[in-house]
Structures are given as structure tokens and as C-alpha cells.
Amino acid sequence: MADRNAALTPAAPLTPPKKRKKAKQPLKRYAVFFFLPTAAAFTLAFLAPFLWGIFLSFCEFFTITDATWIGLDNYRRALQDVGFLYSFGFSALFTLVTVVLINVAAFFVAYALTRKIRGSNLFRTVFFMPNLIGGIVLGFIWQILLNGLLGLYGTSLAASTAYGFWGLVLLTAWQQIGYMMIIYISGLQNVPHTMLEAAKIDGATSWQTLRKVIIPQVRPSITICTFLTLTNSFKLYDQNAALTPNSLPYKILEDGSHIKTTATIAKNIVDQFNENYFGTDGIAQAKSILFFLVVVVIALLQLYFTRKKEESA
């Protein structure tokens, strides 16, 4: 009876458990100590000099302590400099050729090295090694090799714009193909095997599988490699300075003829800084800001169109 009465008595209401205070995660608690050194280094090493450089592009100066504001005059003089415009066209053509050459060669080298051939790891190492050598060193090495070869025909890299251009293309491609190859290998290894097997069952040829299955799957790698080669080619300086150091600056002679040059746009800007005449540093600074804007716009447009293609695939 006692058990029956106990069963009929209503149970005591459950008391809600006490709310626990959310403990701060250790990473969030100390995040500021990790963020501040990086932010300080970024501000001091990049942001502050960049903003000061924008200011100096509107000034006439010989050193950064004697800057005099002159407005847009530096930009006007920079855009009227035929040597600067010629170097921009030279860099644009060089970039177009190297972007196509490097990406096509790197993709097919990566494709060949993912076909389970013997010694593929050794070949990957050999192709990647040139990327580990500095641009100045590579420039001097290829200058000796190419000038030695061209010397047999009585010419040199600096004597011909065409020779200097293709020598620079060859050097840059030799250096960057191995790096882009690694990115393409990563993309090719992530292609689903089920899709490759399905294409094989459907009777697709190797070319059809490559064009319809593999290339659409590695478009993220194509986007990355195109962006890297585009920006690297436009910003190229050290290889250019070492490969053709004796090339004459672009000049229009009195008879209307042109002295062409193999100077990229970055080398043209550095040469302007090295003239050591009052007022030329401001023009060079204006050129560098224009150069920055052009590279940013082209890179953003490239990313926009390639990513749009990825989404539509």
C-alpha cells in the first residue's frame, strides 16, 4: 500500500540545471598576441611605405625628406614617356607569350608524369629545381649560354630586340614550368577515378577524356597557374636586368628611327629611379603606381573570367 501511495504522489518538478559560463577558448583568448606582430609587420613593411609611395607620386623629390607637392604633373609626364609606353607594350607581349607557353608546357608535363611512368618522381624533382635558383643567378647563367651561342653568328642578346625577347621567354619558361607543374599534378591527382572509368566504359578516346573530363576538373589549378604566371611575368625584373644588362634605352632618333630595347616595365621604372636627376624620382614613382593599378586590374579580370568558367563547367 505504501508503494502504491508513493506511486500516486506527483513527482517533484525538475529544476533546470544551472547555466554554465561559457569558457573562453584558449586560442581566442590569446589571438591578439598572435595577430599584433603580424599586423605590425604588415603595416611597417608594406602598408605605410605603400601609402607614402602614393603621396610621393604627386611630389617632386630627390630624397623622401624634400618632397614638394606638384599634383598630377608626374602622371602626365609618365604617360608622355614613349620609353615607358614601349616597355609596357613589351611587357604585355612578353606576358601573353609566357602565360600561354608556361601553362601549356606545365600541364602536359604534369599529365605525362601522372601516367605512372618509371622515374616520375626523379623527373618532377629535375623539372622543379630551376625554380629554386634566384632570378639574378639564372639571368647570368643564361646570358653566358645564349651569348656564347649567338657569338658564333656575330651577334648577342643586347644587340637584337628579338633575341633578347626570346631569350627572356626561354629563361622565364625554364624557371617557372616546374613550379606550375606541381600545381597541375595536384589537380590531376584529384580527378575522380569514377569519371575516368565511366569515360573508358563509354568508349571515349584519350583525347576526348582529356578534353571533356580531365581539363574541366583541373580548372581551379588552371586559374591559380594563370594568375601566378600573369603577375610574375608582368612584374619580372631581376631576370631581365641580368640577362640583357647592356641593352640601350628606348629612344626616337632625329631621323625618326627607333632604338628598341628589351627592358620590361619594371626595369624601365628602376632605370628612371637610377637617373639621379631632380624630379625624375617623382615620375618613376608615378610609373610604379600606374604599373600597380594595371597589374591589379588585369589580375582581377583574369580571376573573374576564369572562376566564372569554373562555375559554368
C-alpha atoms as a PDB file:
ATOM      1  CA  MET A   1       0.000   0.000   0.000  1.00  0.00           C
ATOM      2  CA  ALA A   2       2.843   2.334   0.835  1.00  0.00           C
ATOM      3  CA  ASP A   3       4.412   1.658  -2.544  1.00  0.00           C
ATOM      4  CA  ARG A   4       1.065   2.372  -4.213  1.00  0.00           C
ATOM      5  CA  ASN A   5       0.671   5.714  -2.417  1.00  0.00           C
ATOM      6  CA  ALA A   6       4.208   6.623  -3.313  1.00  0.00           C
ATOM      7  CA  ALA A   7       3.483   5.922  -6.947  1.00  0.00           C
ATOM      8  CA  LEU A   8       0.396   8.140  -6.893  1.00  0.00           C
ATOM      9  CA  THR A   9       2.171  11.144  -5.374  1.00  0.00           C
ATOM     10  CA  PRO A  10       3.178  13.684  -8.001  1.00  0.00           C
ATOM     11  CA  ALA A  11       6.887  13.880  -8.740  1.00  0.00           C
ATOM     12  CA  ALA A  12       8.753  16.990  -7.721  1.00  0.00           C
ATOM     13  CA  PRO A  13       9.289  19.398 -10.557  1.00  0.00           C
ATOM     14  CA  LEU A  14      12.672  19.141 -12.177  1.00  0.00           C
ATOM     15  CA  THR A  15      14.885  22.132 -11.549  1.00  0.00           C
ATOM     16  CA  PRO A  16      16.694  23.364 -14.626  1.00  0.00           C
ATOM     17  CA  PRO A  17      20.409  22.863 -14.461  1.00  0.00           C
ATOM     18  CA  LYS A  18      22.471  25.894 -13.680  1.00  0.00           C
ATOM     19  CA  LYS A  19      23.718  27.687 -16.724  1.00  0.00           C
ATOM     20  CA  ARG A  20      27.367  27.149 -17.166  1.00  0.00           C
ATOM     21  CA  LYS A  21      29.501  30.048 -18.036  1.00  0.00           C
ATOM     22  CA  LYS A  22      30.974  29.614 -21.428  1.00  0.00           C
ATOM     23  CA  ALA A  23      34.689  29.319 -21.014  1.00  0.00           C
ATOM     24  CA  LYS A  24      36.719  31.274 -23.480  1.00  0.00           C
ATOM     25  CA  GLN A  25      38.650  29.126 -25.859  1.00  0.00           C
ATOM     26  CA  PRO A  26      42.394  29.445 -25.274  1.00  0.00           C
ATOM     27  CA  LEU A  27      43.020  30.275 -28.949  1.00  0.00           C
ATOM     28  CA  LYS A  28      40.554  33.176 -28.927  1.00  0.00           C
ATOM     29  CA  ARG A  29      41.872  34.410 -25.601  1.00  0.00           C
ATOM     30  CA  TYR A  30      45.420  34.761 -26.908  1.00  0.00           C
ATOM     31  CA  ALA A  31      44.572  35.547 -30.525  1.00  0.00           C
ATOM     32  CA  VAL A  32      45.543  39.183 -30.140  1.00  0.00           C
ATOM     33  CA  PHE A  33      49.111  38.217 -29.207  1.00  0.00           C
ATOM     34  CA  PHE A  34      49.423  36.277 -32.462  1.00  0.00           C
ATOM     35  CA  PHE A  35      47.696  38.927 -34.560  1.00  0.00           C
ATOM     36  CA  LEU A  36      49.539  42.040 -33.365  1.00  0.00           C
ATOM     37  CA  PRO A  37      53.085  41.087 -34.514  1.00  0.00           C
ATOM     38  CA  THR A  38      51.799  40.154 -37.970  1.00  0.00           C
ATOM     39  CA  ALA A  39      49.691  43.318 -38.222  1.00  0.00           C
ATOM     40  CA  ALA A  40      52.618  45.476 -37.072  1.00  0.00           C
ATOM     41  CA  ALA A  41      54.991  43.864 -39.568  1.00  0.00           C
ATOM     42  CA  PHE A  42      52.436  44.250 -42.392  1.00  0.00           C
ATOM     43  CA  THR A  43      51.846  47.905 -41.513  1.00  0.00           C
ATOM     44  CA  LEU A  44      55.512  48.852 -41.191  1.00  0.00           C
ATOM     45  CA  ALA A  45      56.852  46.794 -44.098  1.00  0.00           C
ATOM     46  CA  PHE A  46      54.034  47.171 -46.637  1.00  0.00           C
ATOM     47  CA  LEU A  47      51.082  49.424 -45.843  1.00  0.00           C
ATOM     48  CA  ALA A  48      52.950  52.512 -44.596  1.00  0.00           C
ATOM     49  CA  PRO A  49      55.546  52.518 -47.444  1.00  0.00           C
ATOM     50  CA  PHE A  50      52.788  51.895 -49.980  1.00  0.00           C
ATOM     51  CA  LEU A  51      50.695  54.848 -48.786  1.00  0.00           C
ATOM     52  CA  TRP A  52      53.784  57.051 -48.572  1.00  0.00           C
ATOM     53  CA  GLY A  53      54.687  55.988 -52.115  1.00  0.00           C
ATOM     54  CA  ILE A  54      51.258  57.100 -53.355  1.00  0.00           C
ATOM     55  CA  PHE A  55      51.858  60.506 -51.757  1.00  0.00           C
ATOM     56  CA  LEU A  56      55.331  60.783 -53.321  1.00  0.00           C
ATOM     57  CA  SER A  57      53.886  60.079 -56.765  1.00  0.00           C
ATOM     58  CA  PHE A  58      52.258  63.514 -56.560  1.00  0.00           C
ATOM     59  CA  CYS A  59      55.512  65.185 -55.492  1.00  0.00           C
ATOM     60  CA  GLU A  60      58.818  66.308 -56.928  1.00  0.00           C
ATOM     61  CA  PHE A  61      61.680  64.991 -54.809  1.00  0.00           C
ATOM     62  CA  PHE A  62      65.235  63.790 -54.766  1.00  0.00           C
ATOM     63  CA  THR A  63      65.017  62.244 -51.305  1.00  0.00           C
ATOM     64  CA  ILE A  64      61.823  61.471 -49.383  1.00  0.00           C
ATOM     65  CA  THR A  65      62.513  64.354 -46.980  1.00  0.00           C
ATOM     66  CA  ASP A  66      62.460  67.123 -49.612  1.00  0.00           C
ATOM     67  CA  ALA A  67      59.183  66.242 -51.369  1.00  0.00           C
ATOM     68  CA  THR A  68      57.270  69.142 -52.937  1.00  0.00           C
ATOM     69  CA  TRP A  69      53.641  68.683 -53.969  1.00  0.00           C
ATOM     70  CA  ILE A  70      53.097  69.212 -57.721  1.00  0.00           C
ATOM     71  CA  GLY A  71      49.810  67.361 -58.298  1.00  0.00           C
ATOM     72  CA  LEU A  72      49.256  65.234 -61.387  1.00  0.00           C
ATOM     73  CA  ASP A  73      52.278  66.519 -63.304  1.00  0.00           C
ATOM     74  CA  ASN A  74      54.274  63.313 -62.670  1.00  0.00           C
ATOM     75  CA  TYR A  75      51.469  61.179 -64.105  1.00  0.00           C
ATOM     76  CA  ARG A  76      51.189  63.421 -67.165  1.00  0.00           C
ATOM     77  CA  ARG A  77      54.940  63.180 -67.822  1.00  0.00           C
ATOM     78  CA  ALA A  78      54.917  59.411 -67.215  1.00  0.00           C
ATOM     79  CA  LEU A  79      52.153  58.861 -69.779  1.00  0.00           C
ATOM     80  CA  GLN A  80      54.042  61.038 -72.280  1.00  0.00           C
ATOM     81  CA  ASP A  81      57.223  58.986 -71.892  1.00  0.00           C
ATOM     82  CA  VAL A  82      57.491  56.911 -75.076  1.00  0.00           C
ATOM     83  CA  GLY A  83      60.049  54.618 -73.427  1.00  0.00           C
ATOM     84  CA  PHE A  84      57.584  53.790 -70.654  1.00  0.00           C
ATOM     85  CA  LEU A  85      54.789  53.090 -73.120  1.00  0.00           C
ATOM     86  CA  TYR A  86      57.112  50.951 -75.254  1.00  0.00           C
ATOM     87  CA  SER A  87      58.196  48.956 -72.168  1.00  0.00           C
ATOM     88  CA  PHE A  88      54.550  48.452 -71.259  1.00  0.00           C
ATOM     89  CA  GLY A  89      53.851  47.021 -74.708  1.00  0.00           C
ATOM     90  CA  PHE A  90      56.982  44.855 -74.476  1.00  0.00           C
ATOM     91  CA  SER A  91      55.849  43.518 -71.075  1.00  0.00           C
ATOM     92  CA  ALA A  92      52.318  42.879 -72.346  1.00  0.00           C
ATOM     93  CA  LEU A  93      53.586  40.855 -75.314  1.00  0.00           C
ATOM     94  CA  PHE A  94      56.090  39.012 -73.125  1.00  0.00           C
ATOM     95  CA  THR A  95      53.345  38.201 -70.589  1.00  0.00           C
ATOM     96  CA  LEU A  96      50.986  36.904 -73.281  1.00  0.00           C
ATOM     97  CA  VAL A  97      53.628  34.578 -74.721  1.00  0.00           C
ATOM     98  CA  THR A  98      54.901  33.280 -71.370  1.00  0.00           C
ATOM     99  CA  VAL A  99      51.444  32.707 -69.863  1.00  0.00           C
ATOM    100  CA  VAL A 100      50.429  30.507 -72.801  1.00  0.00           C
ATOM    101  CA  LEU A 101      53.792  28.738 -73.128  1.00  0.00           C
ATOM    102  CA  ILE A 102      54.327  28.041 -69.415  1.00  0.00           C
ATOM    103  CA  ASN A 103      50.808  26.812 -68.708  1.00  0.00           C
ATOM    104  CA  VAL A 104      50.555  24.583 -71.782  1.00  0.00           C
ATOM    105  CA  ALA A 105      54.009  23.069 -71.200  1.00  0.00           C
ATOM    106  CA  ALA A 106      53.478  22.655 -67.440  1.00  0.00           C
ATOM    107  CA  PHE A 107      50.097  20.975 -67.932  1.00  0.00           C
ATOM    108  CA  PHE A 108      51.355  18.416 -70.426  1.00  0.00           C
ATOM    109  CA  VAL A 109      54.491  17.703 -68.374  1.00  0.00           C
ATOM    110  CA  ALA A 110      52.248  17.131 -65.340  1.00  0.00           C
ATOM    111  CA  TYR A 111      49.898  14.991 -67.412  1.00  0.00           C
ATOM    112  CA  ALA A 112      52.805  12.849 -68.612  1.00  0.00           C
ATOM    113  CA  LEU A 113      54.232  12.457 -65.097  1.00  0.00           C
ATOM    114  CA  THR A 114      50.876  11.240 -63.729  1.00  0.00           C
ATOM    115  CA  ARG A 115      50.725   8.387 -66.258  1.00  0.00           C
ATOM    116  CA  LYS A 116      52.689   6.085 -63.872  1.00  0.00           C
ATOM    117  CA  ILE A 117      55.869   6.175 -65.903  1.00  0.00           C
ATOM    118  CA  ARG A 118      59.116   4.903 -64.416  1.00  0.00           C
ATOM    119  CA  GLY A 119      61.198   7.564 -62.640  1.00  0.00           C
ATOM    120  CA  SER A 120      58.363  10.112 -62.454  1.00  0.00           C
ATOM    121  CA  ASN A 121      59.488  11.337 -59.014  1.00  0.00           C
ATOM    122  CA  LEU A 122      63.001  11.988 -60.342  1.00  0.00           C
ATOM    123  CA  PHE A 123      61.609  13.911 -63.309  1.00  0.00           C
ATOM    124  CA  ARG A 124      59.423  16.003 -61.001  1.00  0.00           C
ATOM    125  CA  THR A 125      62.453  16.954 -58.942  1.00  0.00           C
ATOM    126  CA  VAL A 126      64.508  17.823 -62.020  1.00  0.00           C
ATOM    127  CA  PHE A 127      61.755  19.998 -63.517  1.00  0.00           C
ATOM    128  CA  PHE A 128      61.173  21.802 -60.204  1.00  0.00           C
ATOM    129  CA  MET A 129      64.844  22.548 -59.432  1.00  0.00           C
ATOM    130  CA  PRO A 130      65.187  25.682 -61.659  1.00  0.00           C
ATOM    131  CA  ASN A 131      62.528  27.397 -59.540  1.00  0.00           C
ATOM    132  CA  LEU A 132      64.868  27.161 -56.537  1.00  0.00           C
ATOM    133  CA  ILE A 133      67.556  29.275 -58.238  1.00  0.00           C
ATOM    134  CA  GLY A 134      67.405  33.048 -57.920  1.00  0.00           C
ATOM    135  CA  GLY A 135      66.447  35.148 -60.926  1.00  0.00           C
ATOM    136  CA  ILE A 136      69.738  37.096 -60.981  1.00  0.00           C
ATOM    137  CA  VAL A 137      71.782  33.881 -60.999  1.00  0.00           C
ATOM    138  CA  LEU A 138      69.595  32.380 -63.725  1.00  0.00           C
ATOM    139  CA  GLY A 139      69.918  35.540 -65.788  1.00  0.00           C
ATOM    140  CA  PHE A 140      73.719  35.470 -65.708  1.00  0.00           C
ATOM    141  CA  ILE A 141      73.830  31.731 -66.449  1.00  0.00           C
ATOM    142  CA  TRP A 142      71.550  32.043 -69.480  1.00  0.00           C
ATOM    143  CA  GLN A 143      73.348  35.196 -70.615  1.00  0.00           C
ATOM    144  CA  ILE A 144      76.623  33.250 -70.793  1.00  0.00           C
ATOM    145  CA  LEU A 145      74.972  30.307 -72.568  1.00  0.00           C
ATOM    146  CA  LEU A 146      72.955  32.291 -75.103  1.00  0.00           C
ATOM    147  CA  ASN A 147      75.613  34.922 -75.825  1.00  0.00           C
ATOM    148  CA  GLY A 148      78.127  32.109 -76.320  1.00  0.00           C
ATOM    149  CA  LEU A 149      75.790  30.501 -78.839  1.00  0.00           C
ATOM    150  CA  LEU A 150      74.856  33.756 -80.582  1.00  0.00           C
ATOM    151  CA  GLY A 151      78.510  34.820 -80.634  1.00  0.00           C
ATOM    152  CA  LEU A 152      79.115  32.135 -83.247  1.00  0.00           C
ATOM    153  CA  TYR A 153      76.895  34.194 -85.554  1.00  0.00           C
ATOM    154  CA  GLY A 154      78.403  37.569 -84.637  1.00  0.00           C
ATOM    155  CA  THR A 155      75.533  38.881 -82.523  1.00  0.00           C
ATOM    156  CA  SER A 156      74.325  38.947 -78.910  1.00  0.00           C
ATOM    157  CA  LEU A 157      71.197  39.265 -76.785  1.00  0.00           C
ATOM    158  CA  ALA A 158      71.676  43.006 -76.276  1.00  0.00           C
ATOM    159  CA  ALA A 159      72.255  43.646 -79.995  1.00  0.00           C
ATOM    160  CA  SER A 160      68.851  42.344 -81.088  1.00  0.00           C
ATOM    161  CA  THR A 161      65.473  43.001 -79.529  1.00  0.00           C
ATOM    162  CA  ALA A 162      64.135  39.734 -80.935  1.00  0.00           C
ATOM    163  CA  TYR A 163      66.986  37.700 -79.475  1.00  0.00           C
ATOM    164  CA  GLY A 164      66.617  39.440 -76.117  1.00  0.00           C
ATOM    165  CA  PHE A 165      62.863  38.878 -76.101  1.00  0.00           C
ATOM    166  CA  TRP A 166      63.008  35.164 -76.883  1.00  0.00           C
ATOM    167  CA  GLY A 167      65.952  34.673 -74.562  1.00  0.00           C
ATOM    168  CA  LEU A 168      63.895  36.172 -71.758  1.00  0.00           C
ATOM    169  CA  VAL A 169      60.924  33.980 -72.671  1.00  0.00           C
ATOM    170  CA  LEU A 170      63.120  30.879 -72.656  1.00  0.00           C
ATOM    171  CA  LEU A 171      64.663  31.746 -69.277  1.00  0.00           C
ATOM    172  CA  THR A 172      61.304  32.503 -67.636  1.00  0.00           C
ATOM    173  CA  ALA A 173      59.645  29.378 -69.013  1.00  0.00           C
ATOM    174  CA  TRP A 174      62.558  27.192 -67.900  1.00  0.00           C
ATOM    175  CA  GLN A 175      62.307  28.615 -64.384  1.00  0.00           C
ATOM    176  CA  GLN A 176      58.523  28.552 -63.873  1.00  0.00           C
ATOM    177  CA  ILE A 177      57.333  25.425 -65.705  1.00  0.00           C
ATOM    178  CA  GLY A 178      58.411  23.168 -62.827  1.00  0.00           C
ATOM    179  CA  TYR A 179      56.526  25.176 -60.222  1.00  0.00           C
ATOM    180  CA  MET A 180      53.314  25.250 -62.243  1.00  0.00           C
ATOM    181  CA  MET A 181      53.782  21.538 -62.968  1.00  0.00           C
ATOM    182  CA  ILE A 182      53.454  20.770 -59.241  1.00  0.00           C
ATOM    183  CA  ILE A 183      50.119  22.628 -59.071  1.00  0.00           C
ATOM    184  CA  TYR A 184      48.811  20.816 -62.148  1.00  0.00           C
ATOM    185  CA  ILE A 185      49.916  17.448 -60.753  1.00  0.00           C
ATOM    186  CA  SER A 186      47.902  18.159 -57.610  1.00  0.00           C
ATOM    187  CA  GLY A 187      44.846  18.979 -59.725  1.00  0.00           C
ATOM    188  CA  LEU A 188      45.235  15.915 -61.937  1.00  0.00           C
ATOM    189  CA  GLN A 189      45.551  13.602 -58.943  1.00  0.00           C
ATOM    190  CA  ASN A 190      42.221  14.908 -57.612  1.00  0.00           C
ATOM    191  CA  VAL A 191      40.262  13.964 -60.741  1.00  0.00           C
ATOM    192  CA  PRO A 192      37.725  11.299 -59.608  1.00  0.00           C
ATOM    193  CA  HIS A 193      38.658   7.830 -60.852  1.00  0.00           C
ATOM    194  CA  THR A 194      34.973   7.008 -61.284  1.00  0.00           C
ATOM    195  CA  MET A 195      34.702   9.657 -64.005  1.00  0.00           C
ATOM    196  CA  LEU A 196      37.762   8.305 -65.800  1.00  0.00           C
ATOM    197  CA  GLU A 197      36.401   4.752 -65.592  1.00  0.00           C
ATOM    198  CA  ALA A 198      32.994   5.882 -66.855  1.00  0.00           C
ATOM    199  CA  ALA A 199      34.630   7.618 -69.839  1.00  0.00           C
ATOM    200  CA  LYS A 200      36.623   4.466 -70.585  1.00  0.00           C
ATOM    201  CA  ILE A 201      33.489   2.294 -70.423  1.00  0.00           C
ATOM    202  CA  ASP A 202      31.693   4.705 -72.763  1.00  0.00           C
ATOM    203  CA  GLY A 203      34.477   4.235 -75.295  1.00  0.00           C
ATOM    204  CA  ALA A 204      35.979   7.727 -75.072  1.00  0.00           C
ATOM    205  CA  THR A 205      39.421   8.151 -76.628  1.00  0.00           C
ATOM    206  CA  SER A 206      42.365   9.562 -74.666  1.00  0.00           C
ATOM    207  CA  TRP A 207      41.917  12.952 -76.325  1.00  0.00           C
ATOM    208  CA  GLN A 208      38.175  13.014 -75.594  1.00  0.00           C
ATOM    209  CA  THR A 209      38.800  12.042 -71.961  1.00  0.00           C
ATOM    210  CA  LEU A 210      41.399  14.780 -71.645  1.00  0.00           C
ATOM    211  CA  ARG A 211      39.216  17.454 -73.227  1.00  0.00           C
ATOM    212  CA  LYS A 212      35.830  16.520 -71.760  1.00  0.00           C
ATOM    213  CA  VAL A 213      36.730  15.095 -68.354  1.00  0.00           C
ATOM    214  CA  ILE A 214      40.213  15.985 -67.150  1.00  0.00           C
ATOM    215  CA  ILE A 215      40.560  19.627 -68.229  1.00  0.00           C
ATOM    216  CA  PRO A 216      37.179  20.695 -66.739  1.00  0.00           C
ATOM    217  CA  GLN A 217      38.168  19.036 -63.450  1.00  0.00           C
ATOM    218  CA  VAL A 218      41.504  20.861 -63.205  1.00  0.00           C
ATOM    219  CA  ARG A 219      40.142  24.330 -63.942  1.00  0.00           C
ATOM    220  CA  PRO A 220      40.883  25.521 -60.367  1.00  0.00           C
ATOM    221  CA  SER A 221      44.541  24.650 -60.995  1.00  0.00           C
ATOM    222  CA  ILE A 222      44.399  26.464 -64.325  1.00  0.00           C
ATOM    223  CA  THR A 223      43.036  29.549 -62.552  1.00  0.00           C
ATOM    224  CA  ILE A 224      45.833  29.535 -59.981  1.00  0.00           C
ATOM    225  CA  CYS A 225      48.617  28.911 -62.501  1.00  0.00           C
ATOM    226  CA  THR A 226      47.313  31.547 -64.912  1.00  0.00           C
ATOM    227  CA  PHE A 227      47.146  34.102 -62.104  1.00  0.00           C
ATOM    228  CA  LEU A 228      50.699  33.323 -60.938  1.00  0.00           C
ATOM    229  CA  THR A 229      52.264  33.373 -64.386  1.00  0.00           C
ATOM    230  CA  LEU A 230      50.373  36.547 -65.330  1.00  0.00           C
ATOM    231  CA  THR A 231      51.502  38.525 -62.297  1.00  0.00           C
ATOM    232  CA  ASN A 232      55.040  37.093 -62.286  1.00  0.00           C
ATOM    233  CA  SER A 233      55.579  37.922 -65.954  1.00  0.00           C
ATOM    234  CA  PHE A 234      54.336  41.481 -65.605  1.00  0.00           C
ATOM    235  CA  LYS A 235      56.487  42.072 -62.506  1.00  0.00           C
ATOM    236  CA  LEU A 236      59.614  40.488 -63.969  1.00  0.00           C
ATOM    237  CA  TYR A 237      62.756  42.476 -63.233  1.00  0.00           C
ATOM    238  CA  ASP A 238      65.763  40.539 -61.930  1.00  0.00           C
ATOM    239  CA  GLN A 239      65.977  38.080 -64.835  1.00  0.00           C
ATOM    240  CA  ASN A 240      65.628  40.970 -67.283  1.00  0.00           C
ATOM    241  CA  ALA A 241      68.334  43.041 -65.556  1.00  0.00           C
ATOM    242  CA  ALA A 242      70.766  40.103 -65.519  1.00  0.00           C
ATOM    243  CA  LEU A 243      70.082  38.673 -68.979  1.00  0.00           C
ATOM    244  CA  THR A 244      70.296  41.905 -71.021  1.00  0.00           C
ATOM    245  CA  PRO A 245      72.039  44.465 -68.779  1.00  0.00           C
ATOM    246  CA  ASN A 246      73.646  46.325 -71.703  1.00  0.00           C
ATOM    247  CA  SER A 247      70.516  46.936 -73.776  1.00  0.00           C
ATOM    248  CA  LEU A 248      70.113  50.590 -74.736  1.00  0.00           C
ATOM    249  CA  PRO A 249      67.059  52.545 -73.522  1.00  0.00           C
ATOM    250  CA  TYR A 250      64.253  53.133 -75.985  1.00  0.00           C
ATOM    251  CA  LYS A 251      64.808  56.302 -77.986  1.00  0.00           C
ATOM    252  CA  ILE A 252      63.435  58.030 -81.083  1.00  0.00           C
ATOM    253  CA  LEU A 253      66.256  59.475 -83.196  1.00  0.00           C
ATOM    254  CA  GLU A 254      66.146  62.703 -85.189  1.00  0.00           C
ATOM    255  CA  ASP A 255      65.629  60.822 -88.442  1.00  0.00           C
ATOM    256  CA  GLY A 256      62.509  59.179 -86.993  1.00  0.00           C
ATOM    257  CA  SER A 257      64.083  55.756 -86.459  1.00  0.00           C
ATOM    258  CA  HIS A 258      63.666  53.900 -83.189  1.00  0.00           C
ATOM    259  CA  ILE A 259      66.224  52.329 -80.872  1.00  0.00           C
ATOM    260  CA  LYS A 260      64.283  49.445 -79.370  1.00  0.00           C
ATOM    261  CA  THR A 261      65.003  47.865 -76.012  1.00  0.00           C
ATOM    262  CA  THR A 262      64.386  44.646 -74.120  1.00  0.00           C
ATOM    263  CA  ALA A 263      63.540  46.459 -70.879  1.00  0.00           C
ATOM    264  CA  THR A 264      60.345  45.357 -69.182  1.00  0.00           C
ATOM    265  CA  ILE A 265      58.134  47.891 -67.475  1.00  0.00           C
ATOM    266  CA  ALA A 266      59.664  47.119 -64.057  1.00  0.00           C
ATOM    267  CA  LYS A 267      63.189  47.689 -65.400  1.00  0.00           C
ATOM    268  CA  ASN A 268      62.096  50.941 -67.028  1.00  0.00           C
ATOM    269  CA  ILE A 269      60.871  52.185 -63.640  1.00  0.00           C
ATOM    270  CA  VAL A 270      64.091  51.195 -61.861  1.00  0.00           C
ATOM    271  CA  ASP A 271      66.195  52.822 -64.594  1.00  0.00           C
ATOM    272  CA  GLN A 272      64.159  56.004 -64.123  1.00  0.00           C
ATOM    273  CA  PHE A 273      64.977  55.974 -60.399  1.00  0.00           C
ATOM    274  CA  ASN A 274      68.676  55.500 -61.199  1.00  0.00           C
ATOM    275  CA  GLU A 275      68.938  58.568 -63.427  1.00  0.00           C
ATOM    276  CA  ASN A 276      69.749  60.721 -60.358  1.00  0.00           C
ATOM    277  CA  TYR A 277      68.230  63.903 -61.753  1.00  0.00           C
ATOM    278  CA  PHE A 278      65.992  66.083 -59.621  1.00  0.00           C
ATOM    279  CA  GLY A 279      62.346  65.435 -60.440  1.00  0.00           C
ATOM    280  CA  THR A 280      62.833  62.078 -62.154  1.00  0.00           C
ATOM    281  CA  ASP A 281      62.144  60.124 -58.963  1.00  0.00           C
ATOM    282  CA  GLY A 282      58.620  61.519 -58.827  1.00  0.00           C
ATOM    283  CA  ILE A 283      57.999  60.390 -62.402  1.00  0.00           C
ATOM    284  CA  ALA A 284      59.314  56.920 -61.575  1.00  0.00           C
ATOM    285  CA  GLN A 285      57.046  56.780 -58.531  1.00  0.00           C
ATOM    286  CA  ALA A 286      54.047  57.738 -60.656  1.00  0.00           C
ATOM    287  CA  LYS A 287      55.015  54.996 -63.132  1.00  0.00           C
ATOM    288  CA  SER A 288      55.118  52.449 -60.321  1.00  0.00           C
ATOM    289  CA  ILE A 289      51.620  53.401 -59.149  1.00  0.00           C
ATOM    290  CA  LEU A 290      50.292  53.144 -62.707  1.00  0.00           C
ATOM    291  CA  PHE A 291      52.050  49.802 -63.038  1.00  0.00           C
ATOM    292  CA  PHE A 292      50.447  48.601 -59.797  1.00  0.00           C
ATOM    293  CA  LEU A 293      46.966  49.605 -60.960  1.00  0.00           C
ATOM    294  CA  VAL A 294      47.386  47.892 -64.332  1.00  0.00           C
ATOM    295  CA  VAL A 295      48.586  44.623 -62.770  1.00  0.00           C
ATOM    296  CA  VAL A 296      45.754  44.634 -60.198  1.00  0.00           C
ATOM    297  CA  VAL A 297      43.074  45.278 -62.827  1.00  0.00           C
ATOM    298  CA  ILE A 298      44.397  42.610 -65.205  1.00  0.00           C
ATOM    299  CA  ALA A 299      44.769  40.049 -62.401  1.00  0.00           C
ATOM    300  CA  LEU A 300      41.242  40.694 -61.099  1.00  0.00           C
ATOM    301  CA  LEU A 301      39.758  40.420 -64.578  1.00  0.00           C
ATOM    302  CA  GLN A 302      41.616  37.153 -65.144  1.00  0.00           C
ATOM    303  CA  LEU A 303      40.352  35.736 -61.842  1.00  0.00           C
ATOM    304  CA  TYR A 304      36.804  36.852 -62.595  1.00  0.00           C
ATOM    305  CA  PHE A 305      36.608  35.228 -66.029  1.00  0.00           C
ATOM    306  CA  THR A 306      38.411  32.002 -65.090  1.00  0.00           C
ATOM    307  CA  ARG A 307      36.280  31.489 -61.975  1.00  0.00           C
ATOM    308  CA  LYS A 308      33.168  32.229 -63.982  1.00  0.00           C
ATOM    309  CA  LYS A 309      34.237  29.462 -66.349  1.00  0.00           C
ATOM    310  CA  GLU A 310      34.738  27.122 -63.398  1.00  0.00           C
ATOM    311  CA  GLU A 311      31.171  27.742 -62.187  1.00  0.00           C
ATOM    312  CA  SER A 312      29.688  27.183 -65.645  1.00  0.00           C
ATOM    313  CA  ALA A 313      31.548  23.877 -66.068  1.00  0.00           C
END
